[in-house]
Amino acid sequence: MVSFLERKLDEVRQEPEHVRIRYVWASVAVIMTILFLFWVMMLRDGFRASSLADSNSMKDVIPPSAGSLVKEGESIGQMVGKAQSLAEEGLSASNAAGGIDAIGR
């Protein structure tokens, strides 16, 4: 095998430059085709994995404690109102202590 490769390389070295350039471009085309096919296969596997993950993603996003909020009957509007009041309390406490307000002054 090694001797065949060495003989082939010696033959290519004896060729004129324009023929050697053809060998280079043919090699580039073959290697790029192999890499492209490998990339397409990996991309297809990635899409399969992401579609499976999307079907299970809601289980990962919603924490188990979210069920208790629904059971308590608290609406989204009530939760947003609580969040806003907590944020305002935090800002007013920061301002009273001489901190930075929401605008950054």
PDB file of N, CA and C in Angstrom:
ATOM      1  N   MET A   1       0.834  -1.192   0.000  1.00  0.00           N
ATOM      2  CA  MET A   1       0.000   0.000   0.000  1.00  0.00           C
ATOM      3  C   MET A   1       0.873   1.248   0.000  1.00  0.00           C
ATOM      4  N   VAL A   2       1.877   1.287   0.873  1.00  0.00           N
ATOM      5  CA  VAL A   2       2.745   2.448   0.950  1.00  0.00           C
ATOM      6  C   VAL A   2       3.547   2.603  -0.331  1.00  0.00           C
ATOM      7  N   SER A   3       4.018   1.496  -0.852  1.00  0.00           N
ATOM      8  CA  SER A   3       4.809   1.581  -2.087  1.00  0.00           C
ATOM      9  C   SER A   3       3.940   2.064  -3.252  1.00  0.00           C
ATOM     10  N   PHE A   4       2.657   1.659  -3.279  1.00  0.00           N
ATOM     11  CA  PHE A   4       1.756   2.144  -4.321  1.00  0.00           C
ATOM     12  C   PHE A   4       1.575   3.653  -4.220  1.00  0.00           C
ATOM     13  N   LEU A   5       1.383   4.128  -3.000  1.00  0.00           N
ATOM     14  CA  LEU A   5       1.205   5.566  -2.793  1.00  0.00           C
ATOM     15  C   LEU A   5       2.462   6.335  -3.173  1.00  0.00           C
ATOM     16  N   GLU A   6       3.610   5.799  -2.790  1.00  0.00           N
ATOM     17  CA  GLU A   6       4.864   6.464  -3.134  1.00  0.00           C
ATOM     18  C   GLU A   6       5.058   6.517  -4.640  1.00  0.00           C
ATOM     19  N   ARG A   7       4.735   5.402  -5.327  1.00  0.00           N
ATOM     20  CA  ARG A   7       4.866   5.392  -6.793  1.00  0.00           C
ATOM     21  C   ARG A   7       3.904   6.387  -7.435  1.00  0.00           C
ATOM     22  N   LYS A   8       2.682   6.443  -6.935  1.00  0.00           N
ATOM     23  CA  LYS A   8       1.688   7.363  -7.505  1.00  0.00           C
ATOM     24  C   LYS A   8       2.110   8.818  -7.280  1.00  0.00           C
ATOM     25  N   LEU A   9       2.633   9.121  -6.093  1.00  0.00           N
ATOM     26  CA  LEU A   9       3.103  10.478  -5.826  1.00  0.00           C
ATOM     27  C   LEU A   9       4.289  10.841  -6.718  1.00  0.00           C
ATOM     28  N   ASP A  10       5.176   9.891  -6.946  1.00  0.00           N
ATOM     29  CA  ASP A  10       6.299  10.158  -7.852  1.00  0.00           C
ATOM     30  C   ASP A  10       5.808  10.418  -9.269  1.00  0.00           C
ATOM     31  N   GLU A  11       4.786   9.672  -9.698  1.00  0.00           N
ATOM     32  CA  GLU A  11       4.222   9.889 -11.034  1.00  0.00           C
ATOM     33  C   GLU A  11       3.610  11.285 -11.129  1.00  0.00           C
ATOM     34  N   VAL A  12       2.893  11.681 -10.096  1.00  0.00           N
ATOM     35  CA  VAL A  12       2.250  13.000 -10.105  1.00  0.00           C
ATOM     36  C   VAL A  12       3.310  14.099 -10.086  1.00  0.00           C
ATOM     37  N   ARG A  13       4.384  13.902  -9.379  1.00  0.00           N
ATOM     38  CA  ARG A  13       5.454  14.906  -9.332  1.00  0.00           C
ATOM     39  C   ARG A  13       6.108  15.102 -10.693  1.00  0.00           C
ATOM     40  N   GLN A  14       6.093  14.065 -11.522  1.00  0.00           N
ATOM     41  CA  GLN A  14       6.704  14.151 -12.848  1.00  0.00           C
ATOM     42  C   GLN A  14       5.792  14.853 -13.855  1.00  0.00           C
ATOM     43  N   GLU A  15       4.520  15.002 -13.520  1.00  0.00           N
ATOM     44  CA  GLU A  15       3.565  15.649 -14.427  1.00  0.00           C
ATOM     45  C   GLU A  15       3.819  17.153 -14.492  1.00  0.00           C
ATOM     46  N   PRO A  16       3.350  17.796 -15.574  1.00  0.00           N
ATOM     47  CA  PRO A  16       3.451  19.266 -15.649  1.00  0.00           C
ATOM     48  C   PRO A  16       2.571  19.921 -14.576  1.00  0.00           C
ATOM     49  N   GLU A  17       2.829  21.198 -14.321  1.00  0.00           N
ATOM     50  CA  GLU A  17       2.140  21.886 -13.226  1.00  0.00           C
ATOM     51  C   GLU A  17       0.632  21.932 -13.426  1.00  0.00           C
ATOM     52  N   HIS A  18       0.161  22.165 -14.647  1.00  0.00           N
ATOM     53  CA  HIS A  18      -1.286  22.261 -14.856  1.00  0.00           C
ATOM     54  C   HIS A  18      -1.984  20.932 -14.550  1.00  0.00           C
ATOM     55  N   VAL A  19      -1.306  19.810 -14.746  1.00  0.00           N
ATOM     56  CA  VAL A  19      -1.885  18.510 -14.410  1.00  0.00           C
ATOM     57  C   VAL A  19      -1.890  18.320 -12.901  1.00  0.00           C
ATOM     58  N   ARG A  20      -0.842  18.752 -12.229  1.00  0.00           N
ATOM     59  CA  ARG A  20      -0.797  18.650 -10.760  1.00  0.00           C
ATOM     60  C   ARG A  20      -1.888  19.503 -10.121  1.00  0.00           C
ATOM     61  N   ILE A  21      -2.151  20.670 -10.723  1.00  0.00           N
ATOM     62  CA  ILE A  21      -3.233  21.534 -10.217  1.00  0.00           C
ATOM     63  C   ILE A  21      -4.587  20.822 -10.349  1.00  0.00           C
ATOM     64  N   ARG A  22      -4.766  20.089 -11.434  1.00  0.00           N
ATOM     65  CA  ARG A  22      -6.008  19.315 -11.592  1.00  0.00           C
ATOM     66  C   ARG A  22      -6.148  18.276 -10.490  1.00  0.00           C
ATOM     67  N   TYR A  23      -5.050  17.606 -10.165  1.00  0.00           N
ATOM     68  CA  TYR A  23      -5.078  16.635  -9.067  1.00  0.00           C
ATOM     69  C   TYR A  23      -5.457  17.317  -7.751  1.00  0.00           C
ATOM     70  N   VAL A  24      -4.917  18.499  -7.530  1.00  0.00           N
ATOM     71  CA  VAL A  24      -5.234  19.224  -6.297  1.00  0.00           C
ATOM     72  C   VAL A  24      -6.717  19.544  -6.235  1.00  0.00           C
ATOM     73  N   TRP A  25      -7.277  20.101  -7.312  1.00  0.00           N
ATOM     74  CA  TRP A  25      -8.687  20.471  -7.299  1.00  0.00           C
ATOM     75  C   TRP A  25      -9.598  19.246  -7.226  1.00  0.00           C
ATOM     76  N   ALA A  26      -9.197  18.152  -7.852  1.00  0.00           N
ATOM     77  CA  ALA A  26      -9.986  16.920  -7.742  1.00  0.00           C
ATOM     78  C   ALA A  26      -9.981  16.425  -6.301  1.00  0.00           C
ATOM     79  N   SER A  27      -8.822  16.498  -5.646  1.00  0.00           N
ATOM     80  CA  SER A  27      -8.740  16.084  -4.241  1.00  0.00           C
ATOM     81  C   SER A  27      -9.596  16.977  -3.360  1.00  0.00           C
ATOM     82  N   VAL A  28      -9.558  18.272  -3.611  1.00  0.00           N
ATOM     83  CA  VAL A  28     -10.379  19.207  -2.836  1.00  0.00           C
ATOM     84  C   VAL A  28     -11.862  18.895  -3.024  1.00  0.00           C
ATOM     85  N   ALA A  29     -12.274  18.632  -4.266  1.00  0.00           N
ATOM     86  CA  ALA A  29     -13.681  18.336  -4.536  1.00  0.00           C
ATOM     87  C   ALA A  29     -14.126  17.063  -3.821  1.00  0.00           C
ATOM     88  N   VAL A  30     -13.290  16.035  -3.838  1.00  0.00           N
ATOM     89  CA  VAL A  30     -13.646  14.773  -3.179  1.00  0.00           C
ATOM     90  C   VAL A  30     -13.756  14.976  -1.674  1.00  0.00           C
ATOM     91  N   ILE A  31     -12.797  15.649  -1.085  1.00  0.00           N
ATOM     92  CA  ILE A  31     -12.810  15.856   0.371  1.00  0.00           C
ATOM     93  C   ILE A  31     -13.989  16.733   0.779  1.00  0.00           C
ATOM     94  N   MET A  32     -14.269  17.779   0.015  1.00  0.00           N
ATOM     95  CA  MET A  32     -15.407  18.650   0.343  1.00  0.00           C
ATOM     96  C   MET A  32     -16.731  17.909   0.208  1.00  0.00           C
ATOM     97  N   THR A  33     -16.843  17.022  -0.762  1.00  0.00           N
ATOM     98  CA  THR A  33     -18.066  16.232  -0.916  1.00  0.00           C
ATOM     99  C   THR A  33     -18.270  15.328   0.293  1.00  0.00           C
ATOM    100  N   ILE A  34     -17.195  14.696   0.736  1.00  0.00           N
ATOM    101  CA  ILE A  34     -17.289  13.829   1.920  1.00  0.00           C
ATOM    102  C   ILE A  34     -17.691  14.649   3.145  1.00  0.00           C
ATOM    103  N   LEU A  35     -17.065  15.806   3.331  1.00  0.00           N
ATOM    104  CA  LEU A  35     -17.410  16.659   4.475  1.00  0.00           C
ATOM    105  C   LEU A  35     -18.848  17.161   4.385  1.00  0.00           C
ATOM    106  N   PHE A  36     -19.297  17.532   3.202  1.00  0.00           N
ATOM    107  CA  PHE A  36     -20.666  18.011   3.035  1.00  0.00           C
ATOM    108  C   PHE A  36     -21.666  16.912   3.369  1.00  0.00           C
ATOM    109  N   LEU A  37     -21.419  15.700   2.900  1.00  0.00           N
ATOM    110  CA  LEU A  37     -22.330  14.592   3.206  1.00  0.00           C
ATOM    111  C   LEU A  37     -22.353  14.306   4.707  1.00  0.00           C
ATOM    112  N   PHE A  38     -21.195  14.354   5.341  1.00  0.00           N
ATOM    113  CA  PHE A  38     -21.127  14.162   6.788  1.00  0.00           C
ATOM    114  C   PHE A  38     -21.913  15.255   7.504  1.00  0.00           C
ATOM    115  N   TRP A  39     -21.770  16.503   7.062  1.00  0.00           N
ATOM    116  CA  TRP A  39     -22.487  17.626   7.673  1.00  0.00           C
ATOM    117  C   TRP A  39     -23.996  17.463   7.523  1.00  0.00           C
ATOM    118  N   VAL A  40     -24.455  17.029   6.340  1.00  0.00           N
ATOM    119  CA  VAL A  40     -25.890  16.838   6.118  1.00  0.00           C
ATOM    120  C   VAL A  40     -26.432  15.755   7.041  1.00  0.00           C
ATOM    121  N   MET A  41     -25.680  14.674   7.207  1.00  0.00           N
ATOM    122  CA  MET A  41     -26.142  13.607   8.106  1.00  0.00           C
ATOM    123  C   MET A  41     -26.223  14.104   9.544  1.00  0.00           C
ATOM    124  N   MET A  42     -25.243  14.879   9.990  1.00  0.00           N
ATOM    125  CA  MET A  42     -25.263  15.408  11.359  1.00  0.00           C
ATOM    126  C   MET A  42     -26.381  16.431  11.531  1.00  0.00           C
ATOM    127  N   LEU A  43     -26.625  17.226  10.513  1.00  0.00           N
ATOM    128  CA  LEU A  43     -27.694  18.216  10.575  1.00  0.00           C
ATOM    129  C   LEU A  43     -29.047  17.524  10.696  1.00  0.00           C
ATOM    130  N   ARG A  44     -29.240  16.467   9.926  1.00  0.00           N
ATOM    131  CA  ARG A  44     -30.494  15.726   9.982  1.00  0.00           C
ATOM    132  C   ARG A  44     -30.681  15.102  11.365  1.00  0.00           C
ATOM    133  N   ASP A  45     -29.631  14.535  11.937  1.00  0.00           N
ATOM    134  CA  ASP A  45     -29.721  13.977  13.290  1.00  0.00           C
ATOM    135  C   ASP A  45     -30.011  15.063  14.317  1.00  0.00           C
ATOM    136  N   GLY A  46     -29.444  16.249  14.111  1.00  0.00           N
ATOM    137  CA  GLY A  46     -29.697  17.365  15.014  1.00  0.00           C
ATOM    138  C   GLY A  46     -31.155  17.797  14.986  1.00  0.00           C
ATOM    139  N   PHE A  47     -31.756  17.805  13.784  1.00  0.00           N
ATOM    140  CA  PHE A  47     -33.162  18.172  13.688  1.00  0.00           C
ATOM    141  C   PHE A  47     -34.040  17.130  14.370  1.00  0.00           C
ATOM    142  N   ARG A  48     -33.689  15.862  14.224  1.00  0.00           N
ATOM    143  CA  ARG A  48     -34.464  14.822  14.905  1.00  0.00           C
ATOM    144  C   ARG A  48     -34.388  14.987  16.411  1.00  0.00           C
ATOM    145  N   ALA A  49     -33.189  15.252  16.909  1.00  0.00           N
ATOM    146  CA  ALA A  49     -33.011  15.401  18.353  1.00  0.00           C
ATOM    147  C   ALA A  49     -33.743  16.631  18.867  1.00  0.00           C
ATOM    148  N   SER A  50     -33.716  17.725  18.097  1.00  0.00           N
ATOM    149  CA  SER A  50     -34.388  18.938  18.560  1.00  0.00           C
ATOM    150  C   SER A  50     -35.901  18.776  18.521  1.00  0.00           C
ATOM    151  N   SER A  51     -36.427  18.022  17.561  1.00  0.00           N
ATOM    152  CA  SER A  51     -37.874  17.823  17.537  1.00  0.00           C
ATOM    153  C   SER A  51     -38.322  16.972  18.716  1.00  0.00           C
ATOM    154  N   LEU A  52     -37.502  16.013  19.117  1.00  0.00           N
ATOM    155  CA  LEU A  52     -37.833  15.228  20.310  1.00  0.00           C
ATOM    156  C   LEU A  52     -37.730  16.084  21.563  1.00  0.00           C
ATOM    157  N   ALA A  53     -36.732  16.949  21.591  1.00  0.00           N
ATOM    158  CA  ALA A  53     -36.566  17.820  22.750  1.00  0.00           C
ATOM    159  C   ALA A  53     -37.707  18.822  22.843  1.00  0.00           C
ATOM    160  N   ASP A  54     -38.205  19.314  21.681  1.00  0.00           N
ATOM    161  CA  ASP A  54     -39.308  20.266  21.693  1.00  0.00           C
ATOM    162  C   ASP A  54     -40.567  19.648  22.283  1.00  0.00           C
ATOM    163  N   SER A  55     -40.794  18.376  22.021  1.00  0.00           N
ATOM    164  CA  SER A  55     -41.992  17.747  22.560  1.00  0.00           C
ATOM    165  C   SER A  55     -41.908  17.603  24.075  1.00  0.00           C
ATOM    166  N   ASN A  56     -40.704  17.506  24.603  1.00  0.00           N
ATOM    167  CA  ASN A  56     -40.529  17.382  26.051  1.00  0.00           C
ATOM    168  C   ASN A  56     -40.126  18.695  26.702  1.00  0.00           C
ATOM    169  N   SER A  57     -40.014  19.757  25.914  1.00  0.00           N
ATOM    170  CA  SER A  57     -39.466  21.003  26.451  1.00  0.00           C
ATOM    171  C   SER A  57     -40.385  21.654  27.480  1.00  0.00           C
ATOM    172  N   MET A  58     -41.666  21.528  27.334  1.00  0.00           N
ATOM    173  CA  MET A  58     -42.574  22.162  28.282  1.00  0.00           C
ATOM    174  C   MET A  58     -42.433  21.537  29.671  1.00  0.00           C
ATOM    175  N   LYS A  59     -42.065  20.267  29.724  1.00  0.00           N
ATOM    176  CA  LYS A  59     -41.857  19.628  31.015  1.00  0.00           C
ATOM    177  C   LYS A  59     -40.654  20.232  31.722  1.00  0.00           C
ATOM    178  N   ASP A  60     -39.646  20.641  30.924  1.00  0.00           N
ATOM    179  CA  ASP A  60     -38.439  21.223  31.499  1.00  0.00           C
ATOM    180  C   ASP A  60     -38.628  22.691  31.861  1.00  0.00           C
ATOM    181  N   VAL A  61     -39.475  23.404  31.122  1.00  0.00           N
ATOM    182  CA  VAL A  61     -39.635  24.840  31.315  1.00  0.00           C
ATOM    183  C   VAL A  61     -40.530  25.153  32.501  1.00  0.00           C
ATOM    184  N   ILE A  62     -41.608  24.422  32.637  1.00  0.00           N
ATOM    185  CA  ILE A  62     -42.570  24.698  33.704  1.00  0.00           C
ATOM    186  C   ILE A  62     -42.118  23.975  34.964  1.00  0.00           C
ATOM    187  N   PRO A  63     -41.808  24.707  36.014  1.00  0.00           N
ATOM    188  CA  PRO A  63     -41.367  24.058  37.255  1.00  0.00           C
ATOM    189  C   PRO A  63     -42.529  23.361  37.940  1.00  0.00           C
ATOM    190  N   PRO A  64     -42.234  22.376  38.770  1.00  0.00           N
ATOM    191  CA  PRO A  64     -43.304  21.667  39.472  1.00  0.00           C
ATOM    192  C   PRO A  64     -44.123  22.580  40.372  1.00  0.00           C
ATOM    193  N   SER A  65     -43.539  23.650  40.878  1.00  0.00           N
ATOM    194  CA  SER A  65     -44.274  24.548  41.761  1.00  0.00           C
ATOM    195  C   SER A  65     -45.326  25.362  41.020  1.00  0.00           C
ATOM    196  N   ALA A  66     -45.266  25.377  39.689  1.00  0.00           N
ATOM    197  CA  ALA A  66     -46.255  26.145  38.922  1.00  0.00           C
ATOM    198  C   ALA A  66     -47.641  25.545  39.082  1.00  0.00           C
ATOM    199  N   GLY A  67     -47.715  24.267  39.326  1.00  0.00           N
ATOM    200  CA  GLY A  67     -49.004  23.631  39.534  1.00  0.00           C
ATOM    201  C   GLY A  67     -49.721  24.191  40.744  1.00  0.00           C
ATOM    202  N   SER A  68     -48.996  24.563  41.778  1.00  0.00           N
ATOM    203  CA  SER A  68     -49.626  25.101  42.978  1.00  0.00           C
ATOM    204  C   SER A  68     -50.237  26.471  42.698  1.00  0.00           C
ATOM    205  N   LEU A  69     -49.657  27.239  41.795  1.00  0.00           N
ATOM    206  CA  LEU A  69     -50.233  28.537  41.449  1.00  0.00           C
ATOM    207  C   LEU A  69     -51.585  28.371  40.776  1.00  0.00           C
ATOM    208  N   VAL A  70     -51.658  27.376  39.923  1.00  0.00           N
ATOM    209  CA  VAL A  70     -52.919  27.133  39.232  1.00  0.00           C
ATOM    210  C   VAL A  70     -53.964  26.649  40.226  1.00  0.00           C
ATOM    211  N   LYS A  71     -53.560  25.812  41.154  1.00  0.00           N
ATOM    212  CA  LYS A  71     -54.500  25.305  42.150  1.00  0.00           C
ATOM    213  C   LYS A  71     -55.014  26.415  43.047  1.00  0.00           C
ATOM    214  N   GLU A  72     -54.169  27.399  43.333  1.00  0.00           N
ATOM    215  CA  GLU A  72     -54.584  28.497  44.186  1.00  0.00           C
ATOM    216  C   GLU A  72     -55.518  29.445  43.453  1.00  0.00           C
ATOM    217  N   GLY A  73     -55.577  29.336  42.122  1.00  0.00           N
ATOM    218  CA  GLY A  73     -56.477  30.166  41.347  1.00  0.00           C
ATOM    219  C   GLY A  73     -55.941  31.555  41.079  1.00  0.00           C
ATOM    220  N   GLU A  74     -54.650  31.742  41.206  1.00  0.00           N
ATOM    221  CA  GLU A  74     -54.065  33.052  40.972  1.00  0.00           C
ATOM    222  C   GLU A  74     -53.915  33.262  39.466  1.00  0.00           C
ATOM    223  N   SER A  75     -54.446  34.359  38.973  1.00  0.00           N
ATOM    224  CA  SER A  75     -54.372  34.616  37.537  1.00  0.00           C
ATOM    225  C   SER A  75     -53.023  35.225  37.173  1.00  0.00           C
ATOM    226  N   ILE A  76     -52.745  35.241  35.903  1.00  0.00           N
ATOM    227  CA  ILE A  76     -51.496  35.831  35.422  1.00  0.00           C
ATOM    228  C   ILE A  76     -51.457  37.321  35.739  1.00  0.00           C
ATOM    229  N   GLY A  77     -52.603  37.977  35.599  1.00  0.00           N
ATOM    230  CA  GLY A  77     -52.669  39.405  35.907  1.00  0.00           C
ATOM    231  C   GLY A  77     -52.313  39.674  37.363  1.00  0.00           C
ATOM    232  N   GLN A  78     -52.778  38.821  38.258  1.00  0.00           N
ATOM    233  CA  GLN A  78     -52.450  38.991  39.670  1.00  0.00           C
ATOM    234  C   GLN A  78     -50.959  38.773  39.914  1.00  0.00           C
ATOM    235  N   MET A  79     -50.376  37.780  39.238  1.00  0.00           N
ATOM    236  CA  MET A  79     -48.946  37.526  39.406  1.00  0.00           C
ATOM    237  C   MET A  79     -48.107  38.687  38.868  1.00  0.00           C
ATOM    238  N   VAL A  80     -48.531  39.261  37.722  1.00  0.00           N
ATOM    239  CA  VAL A  80     -47.813  40.405  37.160  1.00  0.00           C
ATOM    240  C   VAL A  80     -47.923  41.597  38.098  1.00  0.00           C
ATOM    241  N   GLY A  81     -49.109  41.793  38.663  1.00  0.00           N
ATOM    242  CA  GLY A  81     -49.291  42.890  39.613  1.00  0.00           C
ATOM    243  C   GLY A  81     -48.386  42.741  40.822  1.00  0.00           C
ATOM    244  N   LYS A  82     -48.266  41.527  41.326  1.00  0.00           N
ATOM    245  CA  LYS A  82     -47.373  41.291  42.458  1.00  0.00           C
ATOM    246  C   LYS A  82     -45.924  41.570  42.079  1.00  0.00           C
ATOM    247  N   ALA A  83     -45.540  41.126  40.883  1.00  0.00           N
ATOM    248  CA  ALA A  83     -44.158  41.342  40.434  1.00  0.00           C
ATOM    249  C   ALA A  83     -43.872  42.832  40.293  1.00  0.00           C
ATOM    250  N   GLN A  84     -44.824  43.583  39.755  1.00  0.00           N
ATOM    251  CA  GLN A  84     -44.619  45.026  39.592  1.00  0.00           C
ATOM    252  C   GLN A  84     -44.517  45.715  40.947  1.00  0.00           C
ATOM    253  N   SER A  85     -45.364  45.329  41.879  1.00  0.00           N
ATOM    254  CA  SER A  85     -45.307  45.968  43.194  1.00  0.00           C
ATOM    255  C   SER A  85     -44.003  45.632  43.901  1.00  0.00           C
ATOM    256  N   LEU A  86     -43.532  44.399  43.757  1.00  0.00           N
ATOM    257  CA  LEU A  86     -42.250  44.035  44.351  1.00  0.00           C
ATOM    258  C   LEU A  86     -41.111  44.822  43.714  1.00  0.00           C
ATOM    259  N   ALA A  87     -41.188  45.014  42.413  1.00  0.00           N
ATOM    260  CA  ALA A  87     -40.145  45.771  41.716  1.00  0.00           C
ATOM    261  C   ALA A  87     -40.166  47.228  42.163  1.00  0.00           C
ATOM    262  N   GLU A  88     -41.362  47.793  42.318  1.00  0.00           N
ATOM    263  CA  GLU A  88     -41.468  49.184  42.757  1.00  0.00           C
ATOM    264  C   GLU A  88     -40.962  49.335  44.193  1.00  0.00           C
ATOM    265  N   GLU A  89     -41.268  48.362  45.038  1.00  0.00           N
ATOM    266  CA  GLU A  89     -40.773  48.415  46.407  1.00  0.00           C
ATOM    267  C   GLU A  89     -39.249  48.354  46.435  1.00  0.00           C
ATOM    268  N   GLY A  90     -38.695  47.525  45.579  1.00  0.00           N
ATOM    269  CA  GLY A  90     -37.242  47.411  45.505  1.00  0.00           C
ATOM    270  C   GLY A  90     -36.604  48.690  45.008  1.00  0.00           C
ATOM    271  N   LEU A  91     -37.220  49.345  44.027  1.00  0.00           N
ATOM    272  CA  LEU A  91     -36.691  50.605  43.499  1.00  0.00           C
ATOM    273  C   LEU A  91     -36.809  51.717  44.532  1.00  0.00           C
ATOM    274  N   SER A  92     -37.957  51.776  45.230  1.00  0.00           N
ATOM    275  CA  SER A  92     -38.111  52.844  46.207  1.00  0.00           C
ATOM    276  C   SER A  92     -37.147  52.647  47.386  1.00  0.00           C
ATOM    277  N   ALA A  93     -36.903  51.401  47.765  1.00  0.00           N
ATOM    278  CA  ALA A  93     -35.936  51.138  48.838  1.00  0.00           C
ATOM    279  C   ALA A  93     -34.537  51.509  48.380  1.00  0.00           C
ATOM    280  N   SER A  94     -34.238  51.266  47.125  1.00  0.00           N
ATOM    281  CA  SER A  94     -32.921  51.609  46.580  1.00  0.00           C
ATOM    282  C   SER A  94     -32.753  53.124  46.520  1.00  0.00           C
ATOM    283  N   ASN A  95     -33.793  53.829  46.110  1.00  0.00           N
ATOM    284  CA  ASN A  95     -33.728  55.290  46.041  1.00  0.00           C
ATOM    285  C   ASN A  95     -33.579  55.900  47.426  1.00  0.00           C
ATOM    286  N   ALA A  96     -34.298  55.327  48.407  1.00  0.00           N
ATOM    287  CA  ALA A  96     -34.207  55.859  49.762  1.00  0.00           C
ATOM    288  C   ALA A  96     -32.802  55.674  50.326  1.00  0.00           C
ATOM    289  N   ALA A  97     -32.147  54.635  49.912  1.00  0.00           N
ATOM    290  CA  ALA A  97     -30.792  54.371  50.399  1.00  0.00           C
ATOM    291  C   ALA A  97     -29.754  55.108  49.570  1.00  0.00           C
ATOM    292  N   GLY A  98     -30.190  55.911  48.599  1.00  0.00           N
ATOM    293  CA  GLY A  98     -29.260  56.670  47.767  1.00  0.00           C
ATOM    294  C   GLY A  98     -28.737  55.877  46.583  1.00  0.00           C
ATOM    295  N   GLY A  99     -29.461  54.846  46.189  1.00  0.00           N
ATOM    296  CA  GLY A  99     -29.021  53.987  45.088  1.00  0.00           C
ATOM    297  C   GLY A  99     -29.409  54.561  43.748  1.00  0.00           C
ATOM    298  N   ILE A 100     -29.313  53.743  42.719  1.00  0.00           N
ATOM    299  CA  ILE A 100     -29.590  54.161  41.340  1.00  0.00           C
ATOM    300  C   ILE A 100     -31.038  53.819  41.047  1.00  0.00           C
ATOM    301  N   ASP A 101     -31.753  54.749  40.400  1.00  0.00           N
ATOM    302  CA  ASP A 101     -33.142  54.464  40.018  1.00  0.00           C
ATOM    303  C   ASP A 101     -33.185  53.698  38.696  1.00  0.00           C
ATOM    304  N   ALA A 102     -34.397  53.485  38.192  1.00  0.00           N
ATOM    305  CA  ALA A 102     -34.568  52.671  36.990  1.00  0.00           C
ATOM    306  C   ALA A 102     -33.916  53.312  35.766  1.00  0.00           C
ATOM    307  N   ILE A 103     -33.784  54.625  35.752  1.00  0.00           N
ATOM    308  CA  ILE A 103     -33.199  55.303  34.602  1.00  0.00           C
ATOM    309  C   ILE A 103     -31.678  55.250  34.678  1.00  0.00           C
ATOM    310  N   GLY A 104     -31.133  55.026  35.824  1.00  0.00           N
ATOM    311  CA  GLY A 104     -29.688  54.907  35.960  1.00  0.00           C
ATOM    312  C   GLY A 104     -29.049  56.190  36.479  1.00  0.00           C
ATOM    313  N   ARG A 105     -29.823  57.059  37.136  1.00  0.00           N
ATOM    314  CA  ARG A 105     -29.259  58.307  37.668  1.00  0.00           C
ATOM    315  C   ARG A 105     -28.932  58.168  39.125  1.00  0.00           C
TER     316      ARG A 105
END
